Amino acid sequence: MTTPKAPYYESRFVRANDPERARALWLRQTLLLPTVGAAVADVWVMVFDPSGHRAVKQQFPLAEADFTDEWAARIASATLDDTHTSGAFSDAQWDLKITASGQGPVRVLSDRAYRARIPTAKTMVRDPLARFDGSFEAAGRRIDVDGWVGSVNHNWGTRHTPAYAYGQVCGFDNAPESTLEIVTARAALGPVLLPGVTVFVFRHRGQQFAVRSISASLLTHGHYAPFTWTFGARVGEQMIEGEITTVPADVIGLTYTDTHGGVKYCYNSALASCRLQVAGKAFERTELASGRAMFEILTDDRLESVPLLA
């Protein structure tokens, strides 16, 4: 892959939940090419476990990174592609087989938005229902991974979105093949945050209901705060209304360096709860629920209720 010019960041990551208990893993490989300071490549290893969350970050010079194509990546000993991810460092090691679900990628934005300069941050889900098997260890905590379900993901751009909430459900308790990707993002005009714009892709019973553009987002709503998020949309004969919630004890706090040299705070829970009501011509009226949702907030504000682990 040709090395992009600053400012630029890229993240390729997987996440997965234990189907039997409240545990989850999150592995990220990132590039950061800032306008101020040295370019770096980071490997992030996170474990969500009520007995004690763990997060490990290893940083390397950009020369040790090879993002070889639109998906495969290597940073030092850490590798990630469609079928496998592995790595070994002093306080983290993992070896996981990834089995594809057969579902197509989820494009959260419109084709035009992916090509345009704005929004500055892009996201895509390569597989929303992948299976993970193998072993995983971080900061002295070893976990056997057997049939965990999660996702394979790709983020990139010239700058992080000023503020957002991002949610992901890889199968609901009562609809294991249904998935949700949703973002409420807030752009900025100078130091002032603009109202949030909500886009989403919901797959259910072989159908897809999506709002991907700013113009179409006039038909959606989304309001979030740490750590409650309500959202919904009514487009034609289709409707969804939902809520994603978590508590500080189930959140990992991380520090992200932005491409302009500033710092943002990421607060992520892979143990959030999602409740979703759906109705319309394509969907029989029903309520879906999951206790294994992802709920992530990016903000300039440091939250005292959540410790920063990396």
C-alpha atoms as a PDB file:
ATOM      1  CA  MET A   1       0.000   0.000   0.000  1.00  0.00           C
ATOM      2  CA  THR A   2       1.286   3.484  -0.854  1.00  0.00           C
ATOM      3  CA  THR A   3       1.894   5.433   2.342  1.00  0.00           C
ATOM      4  CA  PRO A   4      -0.699   8.246   2.496  1.00  0.00           C
ATOM      5  CA  LYS A   5       0.241  11.823   3.273  1.00  0.00           C
ATOM      6  CA  ALA A   6      -0.436  13.542   6.588  1.00  0.00           C
ATOM      7  CA  PRO A   7      -2.921  14.250   7.990  1.00  0.00           C
ATOM      8  CA  TYR A   8      -4.198  10.669   7.955  1.00  0.00           C
ATOM      9  CA  TYR A   9      -5.241   7.895  10.315  1.00  0.00           C
ATOM     10  CA  GLU A  10      -6.412   4.353   9.725  1.00  0.00           C
ATOM     11  CA  SER A  11      -7.723   1.624  12.012  1.00  0.00           C
ATOM     12  CA  ARG A  12      -8.381  -2.024  11.195  1.00  0.00           C
ATOM     13  CA  PHE A  13      -9.965  -3.897  14.055  1.00  0.00           C
ATOM     14  CA  VAL A  14     -11.958  -6.887  15.181  1.00  0.00           C
ATOM     15  CA  ARG A  15     -14.189  -7.305  18.183  1.00  0.00           C
ATOM     16  CA  ALA A  16     -16.100 -10.306  19.527  1.00  0.00           C
ATOM     17  CA  ASN A  17     -18.338 -11.282  22.433  1.00  0.00           C
ATOM     18  CA  ASP A  18     -18.511 -14.485  24.454  1.00  0.00           C
ATOM     19  CA  PRO A  19     -21.968 -15.964  23.710  1.00  0.00           C
ATOM     20  CA  GLU A  20     -22.224 -17.492  27.198  1.00  0.00           C
ATOM     21  CA  ARG A  21     -21.155 -14.724  29.570  1.00  0.00           C
ATOM     22  CA  ALA A  22     -20.352 -11.028  29.815  1.00  0.00           C
ATOM     23  CA  ARG A  23     -16.902 -10.970  28.220  1.00  0.00           C
ATOM     24  CA  ALA A  24     -15.554  -9.436  25.030  1.00  0.00           C
ATOM     25  CA  LEU A  25     -12.321  -8.696  23.188  1.00  0.00           C
ATOM     26  CA  TRP A  26     -11.282  -5.810  20.961  1.00  0.00           C
ATOM     27  CA  LEU A  27      -8.114  -5.801  18.823  1.00  0.00           C
ATOM     28  CA  ARG A  28      -6.997  -2.741  16.822  1.00  0.00           C
ATOM     29  CA  GLN A  29      -4.105  -1.977  14.499  1.00  0.00           C
ATOM     30  CA  THR A  30      -3.771   1.722  13.694  1.00  0.00           C
ATOM     31  CA  LEU A  31      -1.675   4.140  11.668  1.00  0.00           C
ATOM     32  CA  LEU A  32      -1.303   7.789  12.671  1.00  0.00           C
ATOM     33  CA  LEU A  33       0.296  10.325  10.337  1.00  0.00           C
ATOM     34  CA  PRO A  34      -0.086  13.654  12.155  1.00  0.00           C
ATOM     35  CA  THR A  35       0.768  17.120  10.923  1.00  0.00           C
ATOM     36  CA  VAL A  36       2.744  17.595  14.149  1.00  0.00           C
ATOM     37  CA  GLY A  37       5.083  14.903  15.488  1.00  0.00           C
ATOM     38  CA  ALA A  38       6.254  11.519  14.228  1.00  0.00           C
ATOM     39  CA  ALA A  39       4.116   9.022  12.339  1.00  0.00           C
ATOM     40  CA  VAL A  40       3.473   5.867  14.372  1.00  0.00           C
ATOM     41  CA  ALA A  41       1.750   2.489  14.232  1.00  0.00           C
ATOM     42  CA  ASP A  42      -0.089   1.180  17.291  1.00  0.00           C
ATOM     43  CA  VAL A  43      -1.402  -2.224  18.355  1.00  0.00           C
ATOM     44  CA  TRP A  44      -4.241  -2.093  20.882  1.00  0.00           C
ATOM     45  CA  VAL A  45      -5.454  -5.131  22.867  1.00  0.00           C
ATOM     46  CA  MET A  46      -8.547  -4.771  25.073  1.00  0.00           C
ATOM     47  CA  VAL A  47     -10.457  -7.275  27.207  1.00  0.00           C
ATOM     48  CA  PHE A  48     -13.876  -6.508  28.689  1.00  0.00           C
ATOM     49  CA  ASP A  49     -14.468  -8.626  31.784  1.00  0.00           C
ATOM     50  CA  PRO A  50     -16.492  -7.622  34.873  1.00  0.00           C
ATOM     51  CA  SER A  51     -13.741  -9.124  37.032  1.00  0.00           C
ATOM     52  CA  GLY A  52     -11.382  -6.472  35.652  1.00  0.00           C
ATOM     53  CA  HIS A  53     -11.052  -4.822  32.253  1.00  0.00           C
ATOM     54  CA  ARG A  54      -7.619  -4.766  30.625  1.00  0.00           C
ATOM     55  CA  ALA A  55      -6.060  -2.652  27.887  1.00  0.00           C
ATOM     56  CA  VAL A  56      -2.594  -2.873  26.368  1.00  0.00           C
ATOM     57  CA  LYS A  57      -1.101  -0.501  23.793  1.00  0.00           C
ATOM     58  CA  GLN A  58       2.176  -1.124  21.956  1.00  0.00           C
ATOM     59  CA  GLN A  59       3.627   1.612  19.749  1.00  0.00           C
ATOM     60  CA  PHE A  60       6.001   1.106  16.812  1.00  0.00           C
ATOM     61  CA  PRO A  61       7.633   3.263  14.158  1.00  0.00           C
ATOM     62  CA  LEU A  62       5.734   3.443  10.897  1.00  0.00           C
ATOM     63  CA  ALA A  63       8.502   1.427   9.182  1.00  0.00           C
ATOM     64  CA  GLU A  64       7.318  -1.671  11.103  1.00  0.00           C
ATOM     65  CA  ALA A  65       3.793  -1.420   9.671  1.00  0.00           C
ATOM     66  CA  ASP A  66       2.554  -2.936   6.429  1.00  0.00           C
ATOM     67  CA  PHE A  67      -1.088  -2.407   5.490  1.00  0.00           C
ATOM     68  CA  THR A  68      -0.654  -4.543   2.406  1.00  0.00           C
ATOM     69  CA  ASP A  69      -4.039  -4.143   0.727  1.00  0.00           C
ATOM     70  CA  GLU A  70      -7.493  -2.784   1.468  1.00  0.00           C
ATOM     71  CA  TRP A  71      -7.768  -5.101   4.445  1.00  0.00           C
ATOM     72  CA  ALA A  72      -4.699  -7.155   5.483  1.00  0.00           C
ATOM     73  CA  ALA A  73      -2.402  -5.491   8.017  1.00  0.00           C
ATOM     74  CA  ARG A  74       0.805  -6.175   9.926  1.00  0.00           C
ATOM     75  CA  ILE A  75       2.453  -4.163  12.702  1.00  0.00           C
ATOM     76  CA  ALA A  76       5.603  -5.834  14.062  1.00  0.00           C
ATOM     77  CA  SER A  77       4.463  -9.358  15.083  1.00  0.00           C
ATOM     78  CA  ALA A  78       0.754  -8.512  14.966  1.00  0.00           C
ATOM     79  CA  THR A  79      -1.120  -9.607  11.832  1.00  0.00           C
ATOM     80  CA  LEU A  80      -4.731  -9.292  10.752  1.00  0.00           C
ATOM     81  CA  ASP A  81      -6.562 -10.436   7.629  1.00  0.00           C
ATOM     82  CA  ASP A  82      -9.881 -11.995   6.607  1.00  0.00           C
ATOM     83  CA  THR A  83      -9.217 -15.390   8.181  1.00  0.00           C
ATOM     84  CA  HIS A  84      -6.781 -14.937  11.057  1.00  0.00           C
ATOM     85  CA  THR A  85      -5.292 -12.532  13.575  1.00  0.00           C
ATOM     86  CA  SER A  86      -2.309 -13.157  15.838  1.00  0.00           C
ATOM     87  CA  GLY A  87       0.404 -11.362  17.762  1.00  0.00           C
ATOM     88  CA  ALA A  88       2.728 -11.661  20.738  1.00  0.00           C
ATOM     89  CA  PHE A  89       4.177  -8.982  22.984  1.00  0.00           C
ATOM     90  CA  SER A  90       5.453  -8.951  26.540  1.00  0.00           C
ATOM     91  CA  ASP A  91       2.004  -8.431  28.081  1.00  0.00           C
ATOM     92  CA  ALA A  92      -0.384  -9.545  25.331  1.00  0.00           C
ATOM     93  CA  GLN A  93      -0.667 -12.453  22.923  1.00  0.00           C
ATOM     94  CA  TRP A  94      -3.428 -13.896  20.780  1.00  0.00           C
ATOM     95  CA  ASP A  95      -4.063 -16.387  17.993  1.00  0.00           C
ATOM     96  CA  LEU A  96      -7.577 -16.348  16.550  1.00  0.00           C
ATOM     97  CA  LYS A  97      -9.168 -17.976  13.531  1.00  0.00           C
ATOM     98  CA  ILE A  98     -11.820 -15.812  11.837  1.00  0.00           C
ATOM     99  CA  THR A  99     -14.663 -17.590  10.038  1.00  0.00           C
ATOM    100  CA  ALA A 100     -16.639 -15.410   7.650  1.00  0.00           C
ATOM    101  CA  SER A 101     -20.417 -15.219   8.019  1.00  0.00           C
ATOM    102  CA  GLY A 102     -21.133 -14.936   4.314  1.00  0.00           C
ATOM    103  CA  GLN A 103     -22.858 -11.598   4.827  1.00  0.00           C
ATOM    104  CA  GLY A 104     -21.764  -8.733   2.611  1.00  0.00           C
ATOM    105  CA  PRO A 105     -19.877  -5.697   3.922  1.00  0.00           C
ATOM    106  CA  VAL A 106     -21.853  -2.942   5.637  1.00  0.00           C
ATOM    107  CA  ARG A 107     -21.335   0.467   4.072  1.00  0.00           C
ATOM    108  CA  VAL A 108     -22.456   2.904   6.758  1.00  0.00           C
ATOM    109  CA  LEU A 109     -22.072   5.978   4.518  1.00  0.00           C
ATOM    110  CA  SER A 110     -23.286   6.764   1.028  1.00  0.00           C
ATOM    111  CA  ASP A 111     -21.027   6.107  -1.957  1.00  0.00           C
ATOM    112  CA  ARG A 112     -20.683   9.859  -2.407  1.00  0.00           C
ATOM    113  CA  ALA A 113     -19.591  10.337   1.219  1.00  0.00           C
ATOM    114  CA  TYR A 114     -16.836   7.727   0.863  1.00  0.00           C
ATOM    115  CA  ARG A 115     -15.425   9.652  -2.109  1.00  0.00           C
ATOM    116  CA  ALA A 116     -15.806  13.139  -0.647  1.00  0.00           C
ATOM    117  CA  ARG A 117     -13.426  15.096   1.563  1.00  0.00           C
ATOM    118  CA  ILE A 118     -16.246  15.552   4.077  1.00  0.00           C
ATOM    119  CA  PRO A 119     -16.896  13.705   6.353  1.00  0.00           C
ATOM    120  CA  THR A 120     -13.248  13.538   7.389  1.00  0.00           C
ATOM    121  CA  ALA A 121     -13.762  10.111   9.030  1.00  0.00           C
ATOM    122  CA  LYS A 122     -15.024   7.039   7.146  1.00  0.00           C
ATOM    123  CA  THR A 123     -16.103   3.654   8.480  1.00  0.00           C
ATOM    124  CA  MET A 124     -17.014   0.302   6.950  1.00  0.00           C
ATOM    125  CA  VAL A 125     -17.779  -3.144   8.369  1.00  0.00           C
ATOM    126  CA  ARG A 126     -16.186  -5.924   6.380  1.00  0.00           C
ATOM    127  CA  ASP A 127     -18.116  -8.693   8.171  1.00  0.00           C
ATOM    128  CA  PRO A 128     -20.877  -7.958  10.736  1.00  0.00           C
ATOM    129  CA  LEU A 129     -21.277 -11.547  12.013  1.00  0.00           C
ATOM    130  CA  ALA A 130     -17.868 -13.245  11.944  1.00  0.00           C
ATOM    131  CA  ARG A 131     -16.981 -16.165  14.243  1.00  0.00           C
ATOM    132  CA  PHE A 132     -13.780 -16.227  16.319  1.00  0.00           C
ATOM    133  CA  ASP A 133     -11.964 -19.251  17.785  1.00  0.00           C
ATOM    134  CA  GLY A 134      -8.589 -19.533  19.499  1.00  0.00           C
ATOM    135  CA  SER A 135      -6.822 -18.028  22.507  1.00  0.00           C
ATOM    136  CA  PHE A 136      -6.317 -14.543  23.850  1.00  0.00           C
ATOM    137  CA  GLU A 137      -4.262 -13.072  26.688  1.00  0.00           C
ATOM    138  CA  ALA A 138      -3.756  -9.524  27.927  1.00  0.00           C
ATOM    139  CA  ALA A 139      -2.097  -8.209  31.094  1.00  0.00           C
ATOM    140  CA  GLY A 140      -1.993 -11.666  32.669  1.00  0.00           C
ATOM    141  CA  ARG A 141      -5.573 -12.646  31.823  1.00  0.00           C
ATOM    142  CA  ARG A 142      -5.903 -15.668  29.491  1.00  0.00           C
ATOM    143  CA  ILE A 143      -9.206 -16.478  27.773  1.00  0.00           C
ATOM    144  CA  ASP A 144     -10.127 -19.375  25.506  1.00  0.00           C
ATOM    145  CA  VAL A 145     -12.228 -18.108  22.611  1.00  0.00           C
ATOM    146  CA  ASP A 146     -14.736 -20.690  21.333  1.00  0.00           C
ATOM    147  CA  GLY A 147     -17.468 -19.603  18.942  1.00  0.00           C
ATOM    148  CA  TRP A 148     -17.422 -15.927  19.906  1.00  0.00           C
ATOM    149  CA  VAL A 149     -19.370 -13.698  17.497  1.00  0.00           C
ATOM    150  CA  GLY A 150     -18.292 -10.265  16.389  1.00  0.00           C
ATOM    151  CA  SER A 151     -17.185  -8.111  13.501  1.00  0.00           C
ATOM    152  CA  VAL A 152     -14.322  -7.183  11.192  1.00  0.00           C
ATOM    153  CA  ASN A 153     -13.989  -3.420  10.704  1.00  0.00           C
ATOM    154  CA  HIS A 154     -12.135  -0.612   8.942  1.00  0.00           C
ATOM    155  CA  ASN A 155     -11.962   3.114   9.823  1.00  0.00           C
ATOM    156  CA  TRP A 156      -9.897   5.818   8.101  1.00  0.00           C
ATOM    157  CA  GLY A 157      -9.751   9.531   7.402  1.00  0.00           C
ATOM    158  CA  THR A 158      -7.901  12.811   7.686  1.00  0.00           C
ATOM    159  CA  ARG A 159      -9.221  13.654  11.154  1.00  0.00           C
ATOM    160  CA  HIS A 160     -11.428  12.109  13.827  1.00  0.00           C
ATOM    161  CA  THR A 161     -15.035  13.246  13.916  1.00  0.00           C
ATOM    162  CA  PRO A 162     -15.203  15.999  16.576  1.00  0.00           C
ATOM    163  CA  ALA A 163     -17.760  14.051  18.651  1.00  0.00           C
ATOM    164  CA  TYR A 164     -19.829  10.935  18.062  1.00  0.00           C
ATOM    165  CA  ALA A 165     -21.649   7.924  19.439  1.00  0.00           C
ATOM    166  CA  TYR A 166     -21.145   4.667  17.556  1.00  0.00           C
ATOM    167  CA  GLY A 167     -23.155   1.526  18.131  1.00  0.00           C
ATOM    168  CA  GLN A 168     -22.896  -1.999  16.786  1.00  0.00           C
ATOM    169  CA  VAL A 169     -24.967  -5.135  17.424  1.00  0.00           C
ATOM    170  CA  CYS A 170     -23.652  -8.405  15.980  1.00  0.00           C
ATOM    171  CA  GLY A 171     -26.782 -10.483  16.435  1.00  0.00           C
ATOM    172  CA  PHE A 172     -29.673  -9.892  18.830  1.00  0.00           C
ATOM    173  CA  ASP A 173     -30.672 -12.359  21.536  1.00  0.00           C
ATOM    174  CA  ASN A 174     -33.958 -13.158  19.784  1.00  0.00           C
ATOM    175  CA  ALA A 175     -32.692 -12.580  16.219  1.00  0.00           C
ATOM    176  CA  PRO A 176     -29.085 -13.873  16.017  1.00  0.00           C
ATOM    177  CA  GLU A 177     -28.757 -13.141  12.276  1.00  0.00           C
ATOM    178  CA  SER A 178     -29.854  -9.493  12.598  1.00  0.00           C
ATOM    179  CA  THR A 179     -27.287  -6.694  12.850  1.00  0.00           C
ATOM    180  CA  LEU A 180     -27.183  -2.961  13.489  1.00  0.00           C
ATOM    181  CA  GLU A 181     -24.598  -0.287  12.736  1.00  0.00           C
ATOM    182  CA  ILE A 182     -25.486   3.228  13.879  1.00  0.00           C
ATOM    183  CA  VAL A 183     -23.661   6.541  14.290  1.00  0.00           C
ATOM    184  CA  THR A 184     -24.765   9.889  15.699  1.00  0.00           C
ATOM    185  CA  ALA A 185     -21.967  12.248  14.664  1.00  0.00           C
ATOM    186  CA  ARG A 186     -21.454  15.933  15.467  1.00  0.00           C
ATOM    187  CA  ALA A 187     -19.400  18.098  13.160  1.00  0.00           C
ATOM    188  CA  ALA A 188     -17.847  21.354  14.369  1.00  0.00           C
ATOM    189  CA  LEU A 189     -17.888  24.938  13.170  1.00  0.00           C
ATOM    190  CA  GLY A 190     -14.765  26.313  14.790  1.00  0.00           C
ATOM    191  CA  PRO A 191     -15.078  25.527  18.519  1.00  0.00           C
ATOM    192  CA  VAL A 192     -18.858  25.015  18.312  1.00  0.00           C
ATOM    193  CA  LEU A 193     -20.308  21.498  17.928  1.00  0.00           C
ATOM    194  CA  LEU A 194     -23.193  21.264  15.477  1.00  0.00           C
ATOM    195  CA  PRO A 195     -26.322  19.157  16.128  1.00  0.00           C
ATOM    196  CA  GLY A 196     -25.880  15.421  15.642  1.00  0.00           C
ATOM    197  CA  VAL A 197     -26.559  13.624  12.370  1.00  0.00           C
ATOM    198  CA  THR A 198     -27.692   9.994  12.674  1.00  0.00           C
ATOM    199  CA  VAL A 199     -27.063   7.348  10.011  1.00  0.00           C
ATOM    200  CA  PHE A 200     -27.536   3.600  10.336  1.00  0.00           C
ATOM    201  CA  VAL A 201     -27.800   0.237   8.605  1.00  0.00           C
ATOM    202  CA  PHE A 202     -30.180  -2.365  10.062  1.00  0.00           C
ATOM    203  CA  ARG A 203     -30.353  -5.900   8.643  1.00  0.00           C
ATOM    204  CA  HIS A 204     -33.223  -8.116   9.717  1.00  0.00           C
ATOM    205  CA  ARG A 205     -34.923 -11.201   8.234  1.00  0.00           C
ATOM    206  CA  GLY A 206     -33.214 -10.872   4.873  1.00  0.00           C
ATOM    207  CA  GLN A 207     -34.128  -7.191   4.517  1.00  0.00           C
ATOM    208  CA  GLN A 208     -32.042  -4.040   4.938  1.00  0.00           C
ATOM    209  CA  PHE A 209     -33.243  -0.670   6.239  1.00  0.00           C
ATOM    210  CA  ALA A 210     -30.659   2.113   5.999  1.00  0.00           C
ATOM    211  CA  VAL A 211     -30.118   5.870   6.129  1.00  0.00           C
ATOM    212  CA  ARG A 212     -26.603   6.727   4.943  1.00  0.00           C
ATOM    213  CA  SER A 213     -26.606  10.384   3.826  1.00  0.00           C
ATOM    214  CA  ILE A 214     -26.905  13.769   5.524  1.00  0.00           C
ATOM    215  CA  SER A 215     -29.976  14.642   3.450  1.00  0.00           C
ATOM    216  CA  ALA A 216     -31.731  11.378   4.387  1.00  0.00           C
ATOM    217  CA  SER A 217     -30.808  11.887   8.048  1.00  0.00           C
ATOM    218  CA  LEU A 218     -33.571  14.495   8.237  1.00  0.00           C
ATOM    219  CA  LEU A 219     -35.754  11.409   8.764  1.00  0.00           C
ATOM    220  CA  THR A 220     -33.724  10.164  11.760  1.00  0.00           C
ATOM    221  CA  HIS A 221     -33.026  11.331  15.288  1.00  0.00           C
ATOM    222  CA  GLY A 222     -30.339  10.480  17.816  1.00  0.00           C
ATOM    223  CA  HIS A 223     -29.443  11.920  21.220  1.00  0.00           C
ATOM    224  CA  TYR A 224     -26.671  10.607  23.467  1.00  0.00           C
ATOM    225  CA  ALA A 225     -24.805  11.289  26.687  1.00  0.00           C
ATOM    226  CA  PRO A 226     -22.569   9.108  28.844  1.00  0.00           C
ATOM    227  CA  PHE A 227     -23.978   6.439  28.750  1.00  0.00           C
ATOM    228  CA  THR A 228     -27.491   6.540  27.304  1.00  0.00           C
ATOM    229  CA  TRP A 229     -28.392   6.904  23.635  1.00  0.00           C
ATOM    230  CA  THR A 230     -31.861   7.066  22.097  1.00  0.00           C
ATOM    231  CA  PHE A 231     -32.402   6.986  18.338  1.00  0.00           C
ATOM    232  CA  GLY A 232     -34.919   6.246  15.652  1.00  0.00           C
ATOM    233  CA  ALA A 233     -36.036   6.667  12.068  1.00  0.00           C
ATOM    234  CA  ARG A 234     -39.224   6.546  10.052  1.00  0.00           C
ATOM    235  CA  VAL A 235     -38.700   6.206   6.311  1.00  0.00           C
ATOM    236  CA  GLY A 236     -41.743   5.399   4.201  1.00  0.00           C
ATOM    237  CA  GLU A 237     -43.424   2.387   5.777  1.00  0.00           C
ATOM    238  CA  GLN A 238     -40.409   1.360   7.863  1.00  0.00           C
ATOM    239  CA  MET A 239     -39.739   2.428  11.431  1.00  0.00           C
ATOM    240  CA  ILE A 240     -37.196   1.735  14.146  1.00  0.00           C
ATOM    241  CA  GLU A 241     -36.901   3.188  17.639  1.00  0.00           C
ATOM    242  CA  GLY A 242     -34.132   2.130  19.963  1.00  0.00           C
ATOM    243  CA  GLU A 243     -31.911   2.716  22.942  1.00  0.00           C
ATOM    244  CA  ILE A 244     -28.354   1.672  23.788  1.00  0.00           C
ATOM    245  CA  THR A 245     -27.191   1.986  27.380  1.00  0.00           C
ATOM    246  CA  THR A 246     -24.291   0.960  29.572  1.00  0.00           C
ATOM    247  CA  VAL A 247     -22.728   1.871  32.915  1.00  0.00           C
ATOM    248  CA  PRO A 248     -19.257   3.285  33.666  1.00  0.00           C
ATOM    249  CA  ALA A 249     -18.154  -0.032  35.218  1.00  0.00           C
ATOM    250  CA  ASP A 250     -18.521  -1.697  31.782  1.00  0.00           C
ATOM    251  CA  VAL A 251     -16.550   0.974  29.889  1.00  0.00           C
ATOM    252  CA  ILE A 252     -12.862   1.154  28.915  1.00  0.00           C
ATOM    253  CA  GLY A 253     -11.384   4.636  28.534  1.00  0.00           C
ATOM    254  CA  LEU A 254      -8.659   5.270  25.943  1.00  0.00           C
ATOM    255  CA  THR A 255      -6.664   8.302  24.789  1.00  0.00           C
ATOM    256  CA  TYR A 256      -6.556   8.940  21.042  1.00  0.00           C
ATOM    257  CA  THR A 257      -4.113  11.330  19.382  1.00  0.00           C
ATOM    258  CA  ASP A 258      -5.729  13.168  16.484  1.00  0.00           C
ATOM    259  CA  THR A 259      -3.970  14.001  13.228  1.00  0.00           C
ATOM    260  CA  HIS A 260      -3.598  17.684  14.174  1.00  0.00           C
ATOM    261  CA  GLY A 261      -1.804  16.714  17.396  1.00  0.00           C
ATOM    262  CA  GLY A 262      -4.714  17.187  19.778  1.00  0.00           C
ATOM    263  CA  VAL A 263      -6.070  14.578  22.170  1.00  0.00           C
ATOM    264  CA  LYS A 264      -9.513  13.001  22.225  1.00  0.00           C
ATOM    265  CA  TYR A 265     -11.018  10.526  24.667  1.00  0.00           C
ATOM    266  CA  CYS A 266     -12.659   7.282  23.565  1.00  0.00           C
ATOM    267  CA  TYR A 267     -15.056   5.533  25.935  1.00  0.00           C
ATOM    268  CA  ASN A 268     -16.036   2.085  24.689  1.00  0.00           C
ATOM    269  CA  SER A 269     -18.227  -0.655  26.107  1.00  0.00           C
ATOM    270  CA  ALA A 270     -18.626  -4.036  24.423  1.00  0.00           C
ATOM    271  CA  LEU A 271     -21.079  -5.052  27.155  1.00  0.00           C
ATOM    272  CA  ALA A 272     -23.815  -2.509  26.469  1.00  0.00           C
ATOM    273  CA  SER A 273     -27.533  -3.260  26.194  1.00  0.00           C
ATOM    274  CA  CYS A 274     -29.613  -2.484  23.118  1.00  0.00           C
ATOM    275  CA  ARG A 275     -33.390  -2.561  22.784  1.00  0.00           C
ATOM    276  CA  LEU A 276     -34.906  -1.948  19.362  1.00  0.00           C
ATOM    277  CA  GLN A 277     -38.506  -1.786  18.161  1.00  0.00           C
ATOM    278  CA  VAL A 278     -39.073  -2.393  14.458  1.00  0.00           C
ATOM    279  CA  ALA A 279     -42.193  -2.206  12.349  1.00  0.00           C
ATOM    280  CA  GLY A 280     -43.300  -1.638   8.792  1.00  0.00           C
ATOM    281  CA  LYS A 281     -44.202  -3.349   5.560  1.00  0.00           C
ATOM    282  CA  ALA A 282     -40.945  -5.331   5.406  1.00  0.00           C
ATOM    283  CA  PHE A 283     -40.719  -6.133   9.138  1.00  0.00           C
ATOM    284  CA  GLU A 284     -43.308  -7.630  11.439  1.00  0.00           C
ATOM    285  CA  ARG A 285     -43.675  -5.439  14.510  1.00  0.00           C
ATOM    286  CA  THR A 286     -41.329  -6.801  17.139  1.00  0.00           C
ATOM    287  CA  GLU A 287     -38.851  -5.855  19.841  1.00  0.00           C
ATOM    288  CA  LEU A 288     -35.226  -6.982  19.630  1.00  0.00           C
ATOM    289  CA  ALA A 289     -32.763  -7.035  22.510  1.00  0.00           C
ATOM    290  CA  SER A 290     -29.048  -7.629  23.027  1.00  0.00           C
ATOM    291  CA  GLY A 291     -26.772  -7.500  26.052  1.00  0.00           C
ATOM    292  CA  ARG A 292     -23.667  -7.682  23.846  1.00  0.00           C
ATOM    293  CA  ALA A 293     -23.854  -4.367  21.996  1.00  0.00           C
ATOM    294  CA  MET A 294     -20.958  -2.006  21.444  1.00  0.00           C
ATOM    295  CA  PHE A 295     -21.431   1.604  22.563  1.00  0.00           C
ATOM    296  CA  GLU A 296     -18.572   4.029  21.918  1.00  0.00           C
ATOM    297  CA  ILE A 297     -18.353   7.756  22.563  1.00  0.00           C
ATOM    298  CA  LEU A 298     -15.570  10.029  21.292  1.00  0.00           C
ATOM    299  CA  THR A 299     -15.267  13.382  23.024  1.00  0.00           C
ATOM    300  CA  ASP A 300     -12.907  16.166  24.052  1.00  0.00           C
ATOM    301  CA  ASP A 301     -14.113  15.801  27.632  1.00  0.00           C
ATOM    302  CA  ARG A 302     -12.349  13.697  30.241  1.00  0.00           C
ATOM    303  CA  LEU A 303     -14.903  11.635  32.190  1.00  0.00           C
ATOM    304  CA  GLU A 304     -13.937  11.129  35.810  1.00  0.00           C
ATOM    305  CA  SER A 305     -16.255   8.115  36.126  1.00  0.00           C
ATOM    306  CA  VAL A 306     -14.145   5.986  33.730  1.00  0.00           C
ATOM    307  CA  PRO A 307     -10.385   5.390  34.199  1.00  0.00           C
ATOM    308  CA  LEU A 308      -8.132   5.658  31.166  1.00  0.00           C
ATOM    309  CA  LEU A 309      -6.464   2.272  30.678  1.00  0.00           C
ATOM    310  CA  ALA A 310      -4.330   3.167  27.615  1.00  0.00           C
END
